[in-house]
Amino acid sequence: MKLKINKHCFAIFLSLITLSIQSQSFISPLKIAPALSANFGELRNNHFHSGLDFKTQQTVNKPVFAAEDGYISRIGVSPGGFGLSLYIDHPSGFTTVYGHLNRFSPEIAEYVIEQQYLKESYQVTLFPDKGRFAVKKGEQIALSGNSGGSGGPHLHFEIRETKTQDPLDPLLFIGKILQDTRKPEIRGIAFYPVKGKGVVNNTSDPSHIYISHTKTGEALPLSKQIEAWGLIGIGVKAYDRMNGQNNIYGVKQIRLFVDSMLIYSSKIDRFSFEKTRMINSFVDFEEWRLRNSFFMKSYIEPGNNLPVYNKVINQGYIDIDQERNYMMRYELEDYYGNVLTYPFVVKGKKQNIKPILPCKNYMAWNLDNSFVDYDFTLRIPARNLYSDFCFVHTSTPSTTYYSAIHHVHPSPVPLDDQARLWIKLNADTLDRRENLGIVEIKKTGKSSWIGGDYKNGGVEVSVKELGGKFAIDIDTVAPKTVPLQPEKWVSSGKIRLQLSDDKSGITSFRGEIDGKYALFTHDIKSPVYTYYFDENRLDRNKEHILVFRAEDGAKNISEYRYTFSY
């Protein structure tokens, strides 16, 4: 094998040593027995998990405490994402983040409501003055919850480097609060022949082999013999485990050896949010999209510059050029030093390597790429792809949509940022062009609205991956508002409205009472919008007029009016 060693991220290594020295004073943000539902660096859709998810005993309203002295530097309120969140800057140069909260402490809550009314928006991102909310280690700052994009009650906890806002593994700071003696668990190994340069078991297609286990949990050998020739990459499907928990977690360190030589090593201790979408190159993206299964690649594509790779030879690719057994093994390690070792054999055997077929629409990862046809255009800026590929576009006529159906490549291809996609209308005679949008048509036949804007006889929109079917549709139906038990509004102290939209989805809303802004709260998991009667902003013993407006993704606007006495 030809050997070429990647440059190491030495500065990051030094910073991790420094933070391990500075991290002795941080405490757990909860005072209940610590248990995790997710760890740092776990594989998620389009991103790495940026913190720890603490279990809160399947309920909300557990007191949340500041992990160290500092001040509240940022407050977030959003229907999705972290929901209600707090950020604390600490003198040590780190920032802790507390997400999916149910309530802020009273002083913070009062400030947030004031700012929401000032900005006339439920969703706000606030940056209080440095001295306004000073906190001490162990001081209660909030109650845990399930707000935003949360799948159940828990506390999302992060520690970031304040200067860069890069998330760091909180276990580097508070790892002593947990004990773990369980090894990671291997589930499968994948083989990726390089097109035109390698072959595995007489095919150039990827091969995914799932690994069985004994009743005691020991991993069994591969179920079939692997014969390879030429240049190949390898990937692994694996999870971590922790004492006393049934959850599966992300594996912190992966090492791949060939004939006792380390050829690939990765460790997820930190990353930047600017590069978190590169998870789609860290994993087998096609396998994830088509079969909801994460295989982690033990090789590096040219457009992937994640800072998680340590020693890597030949970008992790293995040159099988001898007819012999190549003795390989994976080492999977967690934060606590528990290591699983899994040996396997790849037999070198000469096989016919099929040449790469001629490509009509070749796209290079580091160049601006475009495909232009009379009814379809795709433009991908440079360095949005992770590797070169041969683009394929097909289309079929449609009587259901306002354009042909365009199949934008036969398999999923991730983009680091986005590409611009334009589709031509069948007939540009519509009066309501603002209501047009591009939809993605799923395998089930159902479509999901992406949006876009009218341009030059068609619609243009940004997309973040290829591999789907797209067409133009129209949405002319405004959102629908349904009052929920208005006869109980006054007695319950709140107004509840249910909002729905048939196609393009709700993009904005606004409530007013007597012509003045009224703060309606909303969580992405629910179609219900709620206003809590505010004694300071609503006069008693009078008749009031409620006006609630909502707009969808196709710019349709609805208005609901209701008169009530309070």
Protein backbone atom coordinates (compact mmCIF):
# COMPACT_ATOMS: atom_id res chain seq x y z
CA MET A 1 0.00 0.00 0.00
CA LYS A 2 1.10 3.55 -0.74
CA LEU A 3 1.28 5.54 2.48
CA LYS A 4 0.26 9.17 2.81
CA ILE A 5 -0.47 10.53 6.30
CA ASN A 6 -3.04 13.27 6.94
CA LYS A 7 -2.07 16.38 8.91
CA HIS A 8 -3.24 16.28 12.52
CA CYS A 9 -5.31 19.02 14.17
CA PHE A 10 -2.62 19.79 16.77
CA ALA A 11 -4.17 23.03 17.98
CA ILE A 12 -7.43 21.27 18.78
CA PHE A 13 -5.49 18.57 20.65
CA LEU A 14 -3.78 21.18 22.81
CA SER A 15 -7.04 22.98 23.50
CA LEU A 16 -8.63 19.75 24.70
CA ILE A 17 -5.74 19.22 27.13
CA THR A 18 -6.18 22.78 28.37
CA LEU A 19 -9.92 22.45 28.90
CA SER A 20 -9.49 19.18 30.80
CA ILE A 21 -7.36 21.15 33.30
CA GLN A 22 -9.86 24.02 33.48
CA SER A 23 -12.93 21.85 33.81
CA GLN A 24 -12.70 20.74 37.37
CA SER A 25 -15.25 23.15 38.80
CA PHE A 26 -18.27 22.41 36.60
CA ILE A 27 -21.20 20.55 38.18
CA SER A 28 -24.19 18.66 36.84
CA PRO A 29 -27.12 20.92 35.81
CA LEU A 30 -29.54 18.59 37.63
CA LYS A 31 -29.61 17.29 41.17
CA ILE A 32 -31.38 14.05 40.37
CA ALA A 33 -29.47 10.82 39.69
CA PRO A 34 -27.69 11.40 36.34
CA ALA A 35 -28.82 9.30 33.39
CA LEU A 36 -28.35 10.06 29.69
CA SER A 37 -30.69 9.50 26.79
CA ALA A 38 -28.09 10.80 24.31
CA ASN A 39 -24.36 11.59 24.37
CA PHE A 40 -22.13 14.05 22.55
CA GLY A 41 -21.48 13.45 18.87
CA GLU A 42 -24.38 11.06 18.35
CA LEU A 43 -25.37 10.69 14.72
CA ARG A 44 -28.49 12.64 13.81
CA ASN A 45 -30.22 13.73 10.63
CA ASN A 46 -27.91 16.30 9.01
CA HIS A 47 -25.99 17.01 12.22
CA PHE A 48 -23.99 15.66 15.11
CA HIS A 49 -25.62 15.89 18.53
CA SER A 50 -23.97 18.86 20.21
CA GLY A 51 -24.40 17.98 23.88
CA LEU A 52 -25.73 15.57 26.48
CA ASP A 53 -29.41 14.78 26.93
CA PHE A 54 -30.17 14.22 30.61
CA LYS A 55 -33.19 12.13 31.48
CA THR A 56 -35.65 13.89 33.80
CA GLN A 57 -37.54 10.84 35.07
CA GLN A 58 -40.08 11.08 32.22
CA THR A 59 -41.54 14.32 33.52
CA VAL A 60 -41.06 18.09 33.30
CA ASN A 61 -40.31 20.81 35.88
CA LYS A 62 -37.15 19.39 37.40
CA PRO A 63 -35.04 22.26 38.77
CA VAL A 64 -32.15 23.21 36.47
CA PHE A 65 -28.99 24.73 37.96
CA ALA A 66 -26.09 26.78 36.65
CA ALA A 67 -23.08 24.51 36.16
CA GLU A 68 -20.62 27.26 37.15
CA ASP A 69 -20.48 30.96 38.01
CA GLY A 70 -21.23 33.29 35.12
CA TYR A 71 -23.91 35.43 33.54
CA ILE A 72 -26.83 34.82 31.20
CA SER A 73 -25.51 35.86 27.79
CA ARG A 74 -28.33 34.63 25.56
CA ILE A 75 -31.96 33.59 25.88
CA GLY A 76 -33.86 31.72 23.20
CA VAL A 77 -37.59 31.19 22.67
CA SER A 78 -38.62 29.22 19.61
CA PRO A 79 -41.48 26.88 18.58
CA GLY A 80 -38.81 24.41 17.39
CA GLY A 81 -35.13 23.81 18.00
CA PHE A 82 -34.20 24.15 21.67
CA GLY A 83 -37.61 25.67 22.52
CA LEU A 84 -36.92 27.65 25.67
CA SER A 85 -33.15 27.87 26.17
CA LEU A 86 -30.53 29.66 28.28
CA TYR A 87 -26.84 30.34 27.62
CA ILE A 88 -24.39 31.16 30.43
CA ASP A 89 -20.93 32.59 29.75
CA HIS A 90 -18.30 31.61 32.33
CA PRO A 91 -15.02 33.34 33.27
CA SER A 92 -13.09 30.21 32.22
CA GLY A 93 -13.89 30.89 28.55
CA PHE A 94 -16.71 28.40 28.18
CA THR A 95 -20.46 28.72 27.65
CA THR A 96 -23.05 26.29 28.99
CA VAL A 97 -26.35 25.79 27.17
CA TYR A 98 -29.63 24.53 28.68
CA GLY A 99 -32.31 23.53 26.14
CA HIS A 100 -35.94 22.33 25.94
CA LEU A 101 -36.81 24.14 29.18
CA ASN A 102 -40.38 24.49 30.44
CA ARG A 103 -39.97 27.71 32.44
CA PHE A 104 -37.33 30.30 33.13
CA SER A 105 -36.71 31.59 36.65
CA PRO A 106 -39.21 34.38 37.49
CA GLU A 107 -36.83 37.31 36.92
CA ILE A 108 -35.72 35.95 33.54
CA ALA A 109 -39.29 35.07 32.53
CA GLU A 110 -40.48 38.62 33.25
CA TYR A 111 -37.65 40.05 31.13
CA VAL A 112 -38.44 37.68 28.24
CA ILE A 113 -42.14 38.61 28.17
CA GLU A 114 -41.25 42.31 28.15
CA GLN A 115 -38.95 41.75 25.17
CA GLN A 116 -41.52 39.62 23.33
CA TYR A 117 -44.07 42.43 23.60
CA LEU A 118 -41.45 45.00 22.61
CA LYS A 119 -40.50 42.97 19.53
CA GLU A 120 -44.10 41.80 19.00
CA SER A 121 -42.96 38.24 18.46
CA TYR A 122 -43.18 34.97 20.37
CA GLN A 123 -39.92 33.74 18.81
CA VAL A 124 -37.02 35.81 20.11
CA THR A 125 -33.27 35.57 20.56
CA LEU A 126 -32.15 37.91 23.33
CA PHE A 127 -28.71 39.07 24.47
CA PRO A 128 -29.08 40.68 27.92
CA ASP A 129 -26.50 43.12 29.20
CA LYS A 130 -23.56 41.34 30.81
CA GLY A 131 -24.39 42.38 34.34
CA ARG A 132 -28.15 41.90 34.22
CA PHE A 133 -28.42 38.20 35.10
CA ALA A 134 -25.34 37.14 37.05
CA VAL A 135 -25.60 33.58 38.38
CA LYS A 136 -23.68 31.46 40.85
CA LYS A 137 -22.77 27.80 40.51
CA GLY A 138 -25.68 25.72 41.75
CA GLU A 139 -28.21 28.56 41.43
CA GLN A 140 -31.58 27.52 39.99
CA ILE A 141 -32.15 29.14 36.59
CA ALA A 142 -35.09 27.22 35.11
CA LEU A 143 -37.31 24.16 35.15
CA SER A 144 -36.72 21.29 32.72
CA GLY A 145 -39.26 20.63 30.01
CA ASN A 146 -40.08 19.25 26.59
CA SER A 147 -40.24 22.43 24.51
CA GLY A 148 -39.21 22.85 20.88
CA GLY A 149 -37.96 19.94 18.80
CA SER A 150 -37.85 17.56 21.75
CA GLY A 151 -39.01 13.96 21.53
CA GLY A 152 -39.80 13.66 25.24
CA PRO A 153 -39.02 15.33 28.58
CA HIS A 154 -35.29 15.86 29.06
CA LEU A 155 -32.62 18.53 29.51
CA HIS A 156 -30.28 19.22 26.61
CA PHE A 157 -26.95 20.40 28.05
CA GLU A 158 -23.98 21.77 26.13
CA ILE A 159 -20.59 23.21 26.89
CA ARG A 160 -19.12 25.42 24.17
CA GLU A 161 -15.89 27.29 23.76
CA THR A 162 -17.15 30.87 24.10
CA LYS A 163 -14.78 32.41 21.55
CA THR A 164 -15.60 30.01 18.70
CA GLN A 165 -18.98 28.68 19.91
CA ASP A 166 -17.69 25.19 19.03
CA PRO A 167 -19.50 22.54 21.10
CA LEU A 168 -17.26 20.35 23.27
CA ASP A 169 -18.04 17.02 24.88
CA PRO A 170 -19.50 17.90 28.31
CA LEU A 171 -18.11 14.64 29.69
CA LEU A 172 -14.67 16.29 29.47
CA PHE A 173 -15.98 18.61 32.19
CA ILE A 174 -18.45 16.53 34.22
CA GLY A 175 -17.62 12.95 33.23
CA LYS A 176 -17.09 11.95 36.88
CA ILE A 177 -20.81 12.20 37.63
CA LEU A 178 -21.34 8.96 35.68
CA GLN A 179 -19.81 5.51 35.79
CA ASP A 180 -19.65 3.28 32.73
CA THR A 181 -18.00 -0.09 32.25
CA ARG A 182 -19.92 -1.27 29.16
CA LYS A 183 -18.12 -1.61 25.83
CA PRO A 184 -19.48 -0.25 22.54
CA GLU A 185 -21.40 -2.68 20.35
CA ILE A 186 -20.68 -3.43 16.69
CA ARG A 187 -23.65 -4.07 14.42
CA GLY A 188 -22.22 -4.26 10.91
CA ILE A 189 -19.37 -3.67 8.48
CA ALA A 190 -19.67 -2.19 5.00
CA PHE A 191 -17.29 -2.40 2.04
CA TYR A 192 -17.05 0.36 -0.57
CA PRO A 193 -15.10 -0.45 -3.75
CA VAL A 194 -13.80 2.68 -5.47
CA LYS A 195 -15.49 2.89 -8.89
CA GLY A 196 -13.10 1.81 -11.63
CA LYS A 197 -10.37 1.01 -9.11
CA GLY A 198 -11.70 -1.70 -6.83
CA VAL A 199 -14.08 -4.61 -6.48
CA VAL A 200 -15.54 -6.66 -3.61
CA ASN A 201 -17.05 -10.09 -4.21
CA ASN A 202 -17.20 -9.42 -7.97
CA THR A 203 -19.17 -6.18 -7.70
CA SER A 204 -18.33 -2.50 -7.56
CA ASP A 205 -21.44 -1.77 -5.50
CA PRO A 206 -21.26 -1.25 -1.73
CA SER A 207 -21.82 -4.31 0.44
CA HIS A 208 -23.38 -4.04 3.93
CA ILE A 209 -23.01 -7.02 6.27
CA TYR A 210 -24.91 -7.04 9.54
CA ILE A 211 -23.28 -8.79 12.48
CA SER A 212 -25.15 -11.25 14.69
CA HIS A 213 -24.51 -11.69 18.40
CA THR A 214 -24.60 -14.52 20.92
CA LYS A 215 -27.13 -14.52 23.77
CA THR A 216 -24.43 -13.00 26.00
CA GLY A 217 -23.87 -10.16 23.54
CA GLU A 218 -20.63 -11.33 21.91
CA ALA A 219 -20.28 -10.32 18.26
CA LEU A 220 -20.07 -13.27 15.85
CA PRO A 221 -17.71 -13.38 12.82
CA LEU A 222 -18.85 -11.97 9.47
CA SER A 223 -21.51 -14.16 7.91
CA LYS A 224 -19.73 -14.44 4.56
CA GLN A 225 -16.23 -14.35 3.17
CA ILE A 226 -15.05 -11.04 1.75
CA GLU A 227 -12.87 -11.20 -1.38
CA ALA A 228 -11.53 -7.91 -2.68
CA TRP A 229 -9.14 -6.47 -5.24
CA GLY A 230 -7.92 -2.94 -5.79
CA LEU A 231 -8.88 0.17 -3.86
CA ILE A 232 -11.64 -0.12 -1.25
CA GLY A 233 -13.05 1.79 1.70
CA ILE A 234 -14.61 0.26 4.81
CA GLY A 235 -17.33 1.46 7.18
CA VAL A 236 -18.78 0.32 10.49
CA LYS A 237 -22.19 0.40 12.13
CA ALA A 238 -21.81 0.61 15.90
CA TYR A 239 -23.29 2.05 19.08
CA ASP A 240 -22.14 2.72 22.60
CA ARG A 241 -23.83 1.41 25.74
CA MET A 242 -23.90 2.67 29.32
CA ASN A 243 -24.44 1.05 32.69
CA GLY A 244 -28.06 0.71 33.76
CA GLN A 245 -29.51 2.15 30.53
CA ASN A 246 -31.25 0.58 27.53
CA ASN A 247 -30.41 3.50 25.23
CA ILE A 248 -27.92 3.34 22.40
CA TYR A 249 -25.33 6.13 22.11
CA GLY A 250 -22.76 7.42 19.67
CA VAL A 251 -19.29 5.86 19.59
CA LYS A 252 -16.60 8.36 20.53
CA GLN A 253 -13.50 6.78 18.93
CA ILE A 254 -13.10 4.52 15.92
CA ARG A 255 -9.82 2.90 14.87
CA LEU A 256 -9.27 0.63 11.87
CA PHE A 257 -6.17 -1.53 11.57
CA VAL A 258 -4.86 -3.44 8.55
CA ASP A 259 -2.18 -6.05 9.31
CA SER A 260 -1.62 -4.35 12.70
CA MET A 261 -1.12 -0.93 11.07
CA LEU A 262 -3.46 1.88 12.11
CA ILE A 263 -4.86 3.36 8.89
CA TYR A 264 -7.83 5.30 10.24
CA SER A 265 -8.70 6.97 13.51
CA SER A 266 -11.47 9.39 14.46
CA LYS A 267 -12.49 10.92 17.77
CA ILE A 268 -15.50 13.18 18.34
CA ASP A 269 -14.62 15.61 21.13
CA ARG A 270 -15.61 18.81 19.37
CA PHE A 271 -16.82 20.17 16.06
CA SER A 272 -18.12 23.44 14.65
CA PHE A 273 -21.72 24.13 13.76
CA GLU A 274 -20.49 25.37 10.38
CA LYS A 275 -19.31 21.84 9.62
CA THR A 276 -21.99 19.75 11.33
CA ARG A 277 -23.70 18.94 7.98
CA MET A 278 -20.50 17.12 7.05
CA ILE A 279 -21.94 14.26 9.06
CA ASN A 280 -23.46 13.36 5.68
CA SER A 281 -19.95 12.54 4.48
CA PHE A 282 -18.86 10.97 7.78
CA VAL A 283 -21.65 8.41 7.29
CA ASP A 284 -22.96 6.43 4.33
CA PHE A 285 -25.60 8.98 3.34
CA GLU A 286 -27.36 6.77 0.82
CA GLU A 287 -27.76 3.95 3.33
CA TRP A 288 -29.13 6.41 5.88
CA ARG A 289 -31.65 7.92 3.51
CA LEU A 290 -32.85 4.68 1.94
CA ARG A 291 -32.77 2.33 4.92
CA ASN A 292 -32.50 4.58 7.99
CA SER A 293 -29.24 2.91 8.98
CA PHE A 294 -26.02 4.69 9.99
CA PHE A 295 -22.74 3.22 8.73
CA MET A 296 -19.72 5.36 9.59
CA LYS A 297 -17.10 5.56 6.85
CA SER A 298 -13.50 4.82 7.76
CA TYR A 299 -12.24 6.90 4.85
CA ILE A 300 -12.39 10.60 4.06
CA GLU A 301 -13.96 12.13 0.96
CA PRO A 302 -12.14 15.15 -0.52
CA GLY A 303 -14.87 17.66 0.41
CA ASN A 304 -14.96 16.57 4.04
CA ASN A 305 -12.76 18.55 6.43
CA LEU A 306 -14.31 17.64 9.75
CA PRO A 307 -11.87 18.14 12.67
CA VAL A 308 -12.54 14.65 14.07
CA TYR A 309 -9.88 12.70 12.18
CA ASN A 310 -6.59 11.82 13.82
CA LYS A 311 -4.15 9.43 12.12
CA VAL A 312 -5.34 8.56 8.62
CA ILE A 313 -3.29 6.86 5.90
CA ASN A 314 -4.24 7.18 2.21
CA GLN A 315 -7.41 9.00 3.33
CA GLY A 316 -8.43 5.64 4.86
CA TYR A 317 -8.58 3.77 1.51
CA ILE A 318 -7.01 0.30 1.41
CA ASP A 319 -5.16 -1.02 -1.65
CA ILE A 320 -5.73 -4.77 -1.90
CA ASP A 321 -2.93 -5.70 -4.33
CA GLN A 322 -1.81 -9.12 -3.08
CA GLU A 323 -3.52 -12.50 -3.11
CA ARG A 324 -3.42 -13.13 0.61
CA ASN A 325 -5.45 -12.62 3.76
CA TYR A 326 -5.53 -9.04 5.02
CA MET A 327 -5.97 -9.18 8.79
CA MET A 328 -8.18 -6.29 9.84
CA ARG A 329 -9.75 -5.14 13.06
CA TYR A 330 -11.92 -2.37 14.40
CA GLU A 331 -11.38 -0.84 17.83
CA LEU A 332 -14.37 1.07 19.18
CA GLU A 333 -13.85 3.12 22.33
CA ASP A 334 -16.10 5.27 24.52
CA TYR A 335 -15.29 8.23 26.76
CA TYR A 336 -14.60 5.99 29.75
CA GLY A 337 -11.97 3.89 27.97
CA ASN A 338 -14.12 0.82 27.35
CA VAL A 339 -12.89 -0.79 24.10
CA LEU A 340 -14.51 -3.32 21.80
CA THR A 341 -12.15 -5.12 19.42
CA TYR A 342 -13.58 -6.83 16.34
CA PRO A 343 -11.20 -8.73 14.01
CA PHE A 344 -12.16 -9.75 10.46
CA VAL A 345 -10.46 -10.93 7.30
CA VAL A 346 -10.50 -9.57 3.77
CA LYS A 347 -9.09 -12.06 1.27
CA GLY A 348 -7.11 -10.55 -1.56
CA LYS A 349 -8.26 -12.21 -4.78
CA LYS A 350 -7.80 -10.96 -8.33
CA GLN A 351 -11.14 -10.04 -9.89
CA ASN A 352 -12.21 -8.11 -12.93
CA ILE A 353 -12.60 -4.41 -12.15
CA LYS A 354 -15.21 -2.82 -14.38
CA PRO A 355 -14.12 0.45 -15.98
CA ILE A 356 -16.05 3.62 -15.24
CA LEU A 357 -18.70 4.24 -17.87
CA PRO A 358 -18.54 7.54 -19.81
CA CYS A 359 -20.28 10.38 -17.96
CA LYS A 360 -22.32 13.01 -19.74
CA ASN A 361 -22.83 15.28 -16.73
CA TYR A 362 -19.72 14.99 -14.55
CA MET A 363 -19.71 17.15 -11.42
CA ALA A 364 -16.54 17.87 -9.42
CA TRP A 365 -16.70 18.51 -5.68
CA ASN A 366 -14.41 21.59 -5.79
CA LEU A 367 -15.87 23.33 -8.87
CA ASP A 368 -19.03 25.24 -9.75
CA ASN A 369 -21.36 22.75 -11.41
CA SER A 370 -24.49 23.23 -13.47
CA PHE A 371 -26.97 21.25 -15.51
CA VAL A 372 -29.16 23.25 -17.89
CA ASP A 373 -32.11 21.99 -19.91
CA TYR A 374 -35.03 23.86 -21.44
CA ASP A 375 -37.37 22.98 -18.54
CA PHE A 376 -34.94 22.29 -15.70
CA THR A 377 -31.79 23.86 -14.25
CA LEU A 378 -29.55 22.80 -11.38
CA ARG A 379 -26.64 24.91 -10.10
CA ILE A 380 -24.30 23.62 -7.39
CA PRO A 381 -21.65 26.05 -6.08
CA ALA A 382 -18.09 24.82 -5.60
CA ARG A 383 -17.32 22.78 -2.48
CA ASN A 384 -20.93 21.87 -1.85
CA LEU A 385 -20.30 18.26 -2.88
CA TYR A 386 -18.14 15.90 -0.83
CA SER A 387 -16.90 13.93 -3.82
CA ASP A 388 -17.20 13.88 -7.61
CA PHE A 389 -20.19 12.13 -9.15
CA CYS A 390 -21.99 11.63 -12.44
CA PHE A 391 -25.27 13.53 -12.39
CA VAL A 392 -28.36 11.98 -13.98
CA HIS A 393 -31.62 13.83 -14.65
CA THR A 394 -34.86 12.42 -16.02
CA SER A 395 -38.39 13.77 -16.23
CA THR A 396 -41.92 12.52 -16.89
CA PRO A 397 -45.01 14.49 -17.97
CA SER A 398 -47.66 15.14 -15.31
CA THR A 399 -51.32 16.14 -15.30
CA THR A 400 -51.35 16.36 -11.49
CA TYR A 401 -48.79 19.13 -11.16
CA TYR A 402 -48.07 22.39 -12.99
CA SER A 403 -44.85 21.05 -14.48
CA ALA A 404 -43.23 17.81 -15.44
CA ILE A 405 -41.97 15.62 -12.60
CA HIS A 406 -38.18 15.88 -12.45
CA HIS A 407 -36.11 13.08 -10.94
CA VAL A 408 -32.98 14.86 -9.75
CA HIS A 409 -30.50 11.95 -9.70
CA PRO A 410 -31.44 8.30 -9.03
CA SER A 411 -29.76 8.05 -5.60
CA PRO A 412 -29.41 10.39 -2.59
CA VAL A 413 -26.51 12.85 -2.78
CA PRO A 414 -25.85 15.23 0.15
CA LEU A 415 -24.89 18.88 -0.24
CA ASP A 416 -22.84 20.76 2.32
CA ASP A 417 -24.88 23.91 1.90
CA GLN A 418 -27.41 24.18 -0.90
CA ALA A 419 -28.00 24.21 -4.64
CA ARG A 420 -30.45 26.21 -6.75
CA LEU A 421 -33.08 24.27 -8.65
CA TRP A 422 -35.36 25.78 -11.32
CA ILE A 423 -38.36 24.07 -12.94
CA LYS A 424 -40.36 25.41 -15.89
CA LEU A 425 -44.13 25.75 -15.75
CA ASN A 426 -46.16 23.76 -18.25
CA ALA A 427 -48.02 26.96 -19.06
CA ASP A 428 -47.19 30.37 -17.64
CA THR A 429 -50.75 31.69 -17.57
CA LEU A 430 -51.54 31.67 -13.88
CA ASP A 431 -52.58 34.88 -12.18
CA ARG A 432 -51.50 33.79 -8.69
CA ARG A 433 -47.80 33.21 -9.28
CA GLU A 434 -47.04 34.04 -5.63
CA ASN A 435 -48.90 30.86 -4.65
CA LEU A 436 -46.65 28.59 -6.69
CA GLY A 437 -44.02 26.40 -5.09
CA ILE A 438 -41.89 23.35 -5.69
CA VAL A 439 -42.84 20.12 -3.93
CA GLU A 440 -40.89 16.94 -3.38
CA ILE A 441 -42.85 13.80 -4.25
CA LYS A 442 -42.25 10.91 -1.86
CA LYS A 443 -42.31 7.21 -2.70
CA THR A 444 -45.79 7.03 -1.21
CA GLY A 445 -47.01 9.52 -3.80
CA LYS A 446 -47.55 12.22 -1.20
CA SER A 447 -45.78 15.52 -1.66
CA SER A 448 -44.08 17.90 0.77
CA TRP A 449 -43.87 21.62 0.12
CA ILE A 450 -40.39 23.12 -0.33
CA GLY A 451 -41.41 26.52 -1.66
CA GLY A 452 -39.53 28.88 -3.93
CA ASP A 453 -40.21 31.96 -6.01
CA TYR A 454 -41.53 32.55 -9.50
CA LYS A 455 -38.73 33.24 -12.00
CA ASN A 456 -38.64 33.36 -15.81
CA GLY A 457 -41.65 31.18 -16.46
CA GLY A 458 -40.93 28.72 -13.67
CA VAL A 459 -40.14 28.38 -9.99
CA GLU A 460 -36.71 28.44 -8.35
CA VAL A 461 -35.85 27.07 -4.92
CA SER A 462 -32.87 26.03 -2.82
CA VAL A 463 -32.36 22.34 -2.03
CA LYS A 464 -29.90 20.71 0.36
CA GLU A 465 -29.73 17.25 -1.17
CA LEU A 466 -30.34 15.48 -4.46
CA GLY A 467 -32.07 12.23 -5.21
CA GLY A 468 -35.75 13.20 -5.06
CA LYS A 469 -38.61 13.85 -7.46
CA PHE A 470 -39.66 17.49 -7.78
CA ALA A 471 -42.50 19.36 -9.48
CA ILE A 472 -44.40 22.65 -9.32
CA ASP A 473 -47.63 22.82 -7.34
CA ILE A 474 -49.92 25.60 -6.15
CA ASP A 475 -51.48 26.41 -2.80
CA THR A 476 -54.40 28.85 -2.82
CA VAL A 477 -56.02 27.80 0.45
CA ALA A 478 -55.37 29.97 3.49
CA PRO A 479 -54.67 28.52 6.94
CA LYS A 480 -57.66 27.51 9.03
CA THR A 481 -58.19 28.68 12.61
CA VAL A 482 -60.52 26.81 14.97
CA PRO A 483 -61.27 28.14 18.49
CA LEU A 484 -61.00 25.55 21.24
CA GLN A 485 -63.77 25.85 23.84
CA PRO A 486 -64.15 29.65 23.72
CA GLU A 487 -66.79 29.46 26.45
CA LYS A 488 -64.00 28.39 28.86
CA TRP A 489 -61.43 30.99 27.87
CA VAL A 490 -62.12 33.41 30.69
CA SER A 491 -62.57 30.79 33.41
CA SER A 492 -59.39 28.99 32.40
CA GLY A 493 -57.41 32.21 31.96
CA LYS A 494 -56.26 31.42 28.44
CA ILE A 495 -57.30 31.53 24.79
CA ARG A 496 -56.58 28.40 22.74
CA LEU A 497 -56.71 28.30 18.94
CA GLN A 498 -56.01 25.36 16.67
CA LEU A 499 -54.27 26.25 13.44
CA SER A 500 -53.87 24.06 10.34
CA ASP A 501 -52.80 24.34 6.72
CA ASP A 502 -53.46 21.89 3.94
CA LYS A 503 -50.23 22.14 1.94
CA SER A 504 -47.46 24.70 2.38
CA GLY A 505 -47.45 24.95 6.19
CA ILE A 506 -47.68 27.84 8.64
CA THR A 507 -44.83 30.35 8.33
CA SER A 508 -46.00 33.19 10.59
CA PHE A 509 -48.81 34.21 12.94
CA ARG A 510 -49.88 37.24 14.93
CA GLY A 511 -52.50 37.79 17.60
CA GLU A 512 -54.04 41.12 18.56
CA ILE A 513 -56.56 42.12 21.22
CA ASP A 514 -58.21 45.49 20.75
CA GLY A 515 -55.67 46.33 18.07
CA LYS A 516 -52.65 45.69 20.30
CA TYR A 517 -50.17 42.81 20.05
CA ALA A 518 -51.15 39.74 22.09
CA LEU A 519 -48.50 37.15 22.96
CA PHE A 520 -49.53 33.71 21.71
CA THR A 521 -47.20 30.85 22.60
CA HIS A 522 -46.61 27.90 20.32
CA ASP A 523 -44.72 24.61 20.29
CA ILE A 524 -43.86 22.90 17.00
CA LYS A 525 -45.22 19.57 18.24
CA SER A 526 -48.74 20.96 18.65
CA PRO A 527 -51.18 22.78 16.34
CA VAL A 528 -52.46 24.75 19.34
CA TYR A 529 -51.60 28.43 19.89
CA THR A 530 -52.20 29.80 23.39
CA TYR A 531 -52.64 33.27 24.88
CA TYR A 532 -52.52 33.62 28.68
CA PHE A 533 -54.56 36.53 30.03
CA ASP A 534 -52.20 39.24 31.23
CA GLU A 535 -53.58 41.45 34.01
CA ASN A 536 -51.00 44.11 33.20
CA ARG A 537 -51.95 44.36 29.55
CA LEU A 538 -55.68 43.59 29.42
CA ASP A 539 -58.44 45.64 31.04
CA ARG A 540 -61.01 43.88 33.17
CA ASN A 541 -64.80 44.12 32.87
CA LYS A 542 -64.89 45.05 29.25
CA GLU A 543 -65.60 43.58 25.84
CA HIS A 544 -62.54 42.72 23.76
CA ILE A 545 -61.96 41.95 20.10
CA LEU A 546 -59.50 39.17 19.26
CA VAL A 547 -57.89 39.14 15.80
CA PHE A 548 -55.59 36.26 14.87
CA ARG A 549 -53.80 36.23 11.52
CA ALA A 550 -51.80 33.39 10.01
CA GLU A 551 -49.77 33.08 6.81
CA ASP A 552 -48.64 29.90 5.05
CA GLY A 553 -45.66 29.12 2.83
CA ALA A 554 -47.56 30.17 -0.30
CA LYS A 555 -48.37 33.62 1.11
CA ASN A 556 -52.03 32.84 1.79
CA ILE A 557 -53.32 34.81 4.78
CA SER A 558 -56.28 34.03 7.01
CA GLU A 559 -57.90 36.17 9.70
CA TYR A 560 -59.97 34.96 12.63
CA ARG A 561 -62.06 37.39 14.72
CA TYR A 562 -63.84 36.81 18.00
CA THR A 563 -65.46 39.10 20.55
CA PHE A 564 -65.30 38.12 24.23
CA SER A 565 -65.89 39.68 27.61
CA TYR A 566 -63.19 39.63 30.31
